[in-house]
Amino acid sequence: MTGTIEKVFVKVGDKVEAGDPLMVMIAMKMEHTIRAPKAGTIKKVHFREGVQASRHAPLVEFEEESE
């Protein structure tokens, strides 16, 4: 969905677990918390706070942890 990035909780190099909050997006007058789908390390954050993100745009790139 299209929305404005309200808050970014991660930066490059951060380790995240599945379900950790990555950022908050405001869309349709509601806050949506974007969470990590799997454990891994943040490789790139594509948007900063206050920027409009378009539909289907990748928000964060991360490398999955190997098991």
N, C-alpha and C. Protein backbone atom coordinates (compact mmCIF):
# COMPACT_ATOMS: atom_id res chain seq x y z
N MET A 1 0.83 -1.18 0.00
CA MET A 1 0.00 0.00 0.00
C MET A 1 0.87 1.24 0.00
N THR A 2 0.37 2.30 -0.51
CA THR A 2 1.07 3.57 -0.52
C THR A 2 0.90 4.26 0.83
N GLY A 3 1.98 4.84 1.34
CA GLY A 3 1.89 5.52 2.62
C GLY A 3 3.15 6.32 2.91
N THR A 4 3.13 7.02 4.03
CA THR A 4 4.26 7.82 4.47
C THR A 4 4.98 7.11 5.60
N ILE A 5 6.30 7.04 5.49
CA ILE A 5 7.09 6.40 6.54
C ILE A 5 7.14 7.36 7.73
N GLU A 6 6.58 6.93 8.84
CA GLU A 6 6.48 7.76 10.04
C GLU A 6 7.72 7.59 10.93
N LYS A 7 8.18 6.34 11.10
CA LYS A 7 9.29 6.07 12.01
C LYS A 7 10.07 4.88 11.48
N VAL A 8 11.40 4.96 11.51
CA VAL A 8 12.27 3.85 11.13
C VAL A 8 13.01 3.40 12.38
N PHE A 9 12.91 2.11 12.70
CA PHE A 9 13.51 1.57 13.92
C PHE A 9 14.86 0.89 13.70
N VAL A 10 15.23 0.63 12.44
CA VAL A 10 16.45 -0.13 12.16
C VAL A 10 17.41 0.67 11.29
N LYS A 11 18.67 0.23 11.30
CA LYS A 11 19.69 0.81 10.43
C LYS A 11 20.53 -0.33 9.87
N VAL A 12 21.32 -0.05 8.87
CA VAL A 12 22.17 -1.06 8.24
C VAL A 12 23.06 -1.70 9.30
N GLY A 13 23.12 -3.03 9.27
CA GLY A 13 23.95 -3.78 10.20
C GLY A 13 23.21 -4.30 11.41
N ASP A 14 22.01 -3.79 11.67
CA ASP A 14 21.22 -4.27 12.81
C ASP A 14 20.79 -5.71 12.58
N LYS A 15 20.81 -6.49 13.65
CA LYS A 15 20.29 -7.86 13.61
C LYS A 15 18.85 -7.82 14.11
N VAL A 16 17.96 -8.51 13.40
CA VAL A 16 16.55 -8.54 13.78
C VAL A 16 16.08 -9.98 13.89
N GLU A 17 15.06 -10.17 14.70
CA GLU A 17 14.40 -11.46 14.84
C GLU A 17 13.06 -11.39 14.12
N ALA A 18 12.51 -12.53 13.77
CA ALA A 18 11.19 -12.57 13.14
C ALA A 18 10.18 -11.85 14.03
N GLY A 19 9.44 -10.93 13.44
CA GLY A 19 8.42 -10.19 14.18
C GLY A 19 8.89 -8.87 14.76
N ASP A 20 10.19 -8.60 14.72
CA ASP A 20 10.69 -7.31 15.22
C ASP A 20 10.15 -6.17 14.36
N PRO A 21 9.78 -5.03 14.97
CA PRO A 21 9.31 -3.89 14.18
C PRO A 21 10.47 -3.26 13.40
N LEU A 22 10.24 -2.98 12.12
CA LEU A 22 11.25 -2.35 11.27
C LEU A 22 10.94 -0.87 11.07
N MET A 23 9.66 -0.56 10.84
CA MET A 23 9.23 0.82 10.62
C MET A 23 7.73 0.93 10.80
N VAL A 24 7.27 2.17 10.91
CA VAL A 24 5.84 2.46 10.98
C VAL A 24 5.48 3.28 9.76
N MET A 25 4.41 2.86 9.08
CA MET A 25 3.92 3.55 7.89
C MET A 25 2.51 4.07 8.18
N ILE A 26 2.23 5.30 7.77
CA ILE A 26 0.89 5.87 7.87
C ILE A 26 0.23 5.71 6.51
N ALA A 27 -0.88 4.98 6.48
CA ALA A 27 -1.63 4.78 5.24
C ALA A 27 -3.10 4.69 5.58
N MET A 28 -3.92 5.32 4.78
CA MET A 28 -5.36 5.32 5.00
C MET A 28 -5.71 5.81 6.41
N LYS A 29 -4.95 6.82 6.88
CA LYS A 29 -5.15 7.45 8.18
C LYS A 29 -4.95 6.49 9.36
N MET A 30 -4.20 5.41 9.12
CA MET A 30 -3.91 4.44 10.18
C MET A 30 -2.41 4.16 10.21
N GLU A 31 -1.90 3.82 11.41
CA GLU A 31 -0.50 3.42 11.55
C GLU A 31 -0.38 1.92 11.32
N HIS A 32 0.59 1.53 10.50
CA HIS A 32 0.84 0.13 10.22
C HIS A 32 2.30 -0.16 10.58
N THR A 33 2.52 -1.09 11.49
CA THR A 33 3.88 -1.47 11.86
C THR A 33 4.35 -2.55 10.91
N ILE A 34 5.46 -2.29 10.23
CA ILE A 34 6.06 -3.25 9.31
C ILE A 34 7.07 -4.06 10.12
N ARG A 35 6.90 -5.39 10.12
CA ARG A 35 7.73 -6.27 10.95
C ARG A 35 8.60 -7.18 10.09
N ALA A 36 9.70 -7.64 10.68
CA ALA A 36 10.61 -8.55 9.98
C ALA A 36 9.92 -9.90 9.77
N PRO A 37 9.94 -10.42 8.55
CA PRO A 37 9.31 -11.71 8.30
C PRO A 37 10.14 -12.88 8.84
N LYS A 38 11.45 -12.68 8.94
CA LYS A 38 12.37 -13.73 9.40
C LYS A 38 13.54 -13.07 10.12
N ALA A 39 14.33 -13.87 10.81
CA ALA A 39 15.54 -13.36 11.46
C ALA A 39 16.60 -13.06 10.40
N GLY A 40 17.39 -12.01 10.64
CA GLY A 40 18.44 -11.67 9.69
C GLY A 40 19.15 -10.38 10.06
N THR A 41 19.96 -9.88 9.13
CA THR A 41 20.73 -8.65 9.31
C THR A 41 20.29 -7.64 8.25
N ILE A 42 20.05 -6.40 8.67
CA ILE A 42 19.60 -5.35 7.76
C ILE A 42 20.75 -4.98 6.82
N LYS A 43 20.48 -5.05 5.51
CA LYS A 43 21.48 -4.70 4.50
C LYS A 43 21.25 -3.31 3.91
N LYS A 44 19.99 -2.89 3.81
CA LYS A 44 19.68 -1.57 3.25
C LYS A 44 18.29 -1.14 3.70
N VAL A 45 18.17 0.14 4.05
CA VAL A 45 16.87 0.75 4.36
C VAL A 45 16.58 1.71 3.21
N HIS A 46 15.50 1.46 2.47
CA HIS A 46 15.23 2.22 1.25
C HIS A 46 14.55 3.57 1.48
N PHE A 47 13.94 3.78 2.65
CA PHE A 47 13.20 5.02 2.90
C PHE A 47 13.60 5.61 4.24
N ARG A 48 13.52 6.93 4.34
CA ARG A 48 13.76 7.61 5.61
C ARG A 48 12.43 8.17 6.11
N GLU A 49 12.41 8.62 7.31
CA GLU A 49 11.19 9.16 7.92
C GLU A 49 10.67 10.35 7.13
N GLY A 50 9.35 10.41 6.96
CA GLY A 50 8.71 11.53 6.28
C GLY A 50 8.57 11.37 4.78
N VAL A 51 9.09 10.28 4.23
CA VAL A 51 9.07 10.06 2.78
C VAL A 51 7.87 9.18 2.40
N GLN A 52 7.29 9.48 1.25
CA GLN A 52 6.17 8.69 0.71
C GLN A 52 6.72 7.42 0.06
N ALA A 53 6.19 6.26 0.43
CA ALA A 53 6.57 4.98 -0.17
C ALA A 53 5.45 4.52 -1.08
N SER A 54 5.79 4.12 -2.29
CA SER A 54 4.77 3.68 -3.24
C SER A 54 4.44 2.20 -3.03
N ARG A 55 3.32 1.83 -3.57
CA ARG A 55 2.83 0.45 -3.45
C ARG A 55 3.86 -0.52 -4.05
N HIS A 56 4.10 -1.61 -3.37
CA HIS A 56 5.01 -2.69 -3.78
C HIS A 56 6.49 -2.30 -3.75
N ALA A 57 6.83 -1.13 -3.26
CA ALA A 57 8.24 -0.73 -3.17
C ALA A 57 8.90 -1.51 -2.03
N PRO A 58 10.11 -2.02 -2.25
CA PRO A 58 10.82 -2.67 -1.14
C PRO A 58 11.19 -1.62 -0.10
N LEU A 59 10.92 -1.90 1.16
CA LEU A 59 11.19 -0.94 2.23
C LEU A 59 12.56 -1.19 2.85
N VAL A 60 12.88 -2.46 3.07
CA VAL A 60 14.12 -2.85 3.73
C VAL A 60 14.65 -4.10 3.05
N GLU A 61 15.97 -4.18 2.89
CA GLU A 61 16.60 -5.42 2.42
C GLU A 61 17.33 -6.02 3.61
N PHE A 62 17.24 -7.34 3.74
CA PHE A 62 18.00 -7.99 4.80
C PHE A 62 18.48 -9.35 4.35
N GLU A 63 19.53 -9.81 4.99
CA GLU A 63 20.10 -11.12 4.72
C GLU A 63 19.60 -12.05 5.80
N GLU A 64 18.98 -13.15 5.40
CA GLU A 64 18.44 -14.10 6.37
C GLU A 64 19.58 -14.79 7.10
N GLU A 65 19.31 -15.12 8.38
CA GLU A 65 20.27 -15.89 9.15
C GLU A 65 20.25 -17.32 8.66
N SER A 66 21.42 -17.92 8.53
CA SER A 66 21.47 -19.34 8.15
C SER A 66 21.23 -20.17 9.40
N GLU A 67 20.62 -21.31 9.19
CA GLU A 67 20.25 -22.13 10.35
C GLU A 67 21.34 -23.03 10.80
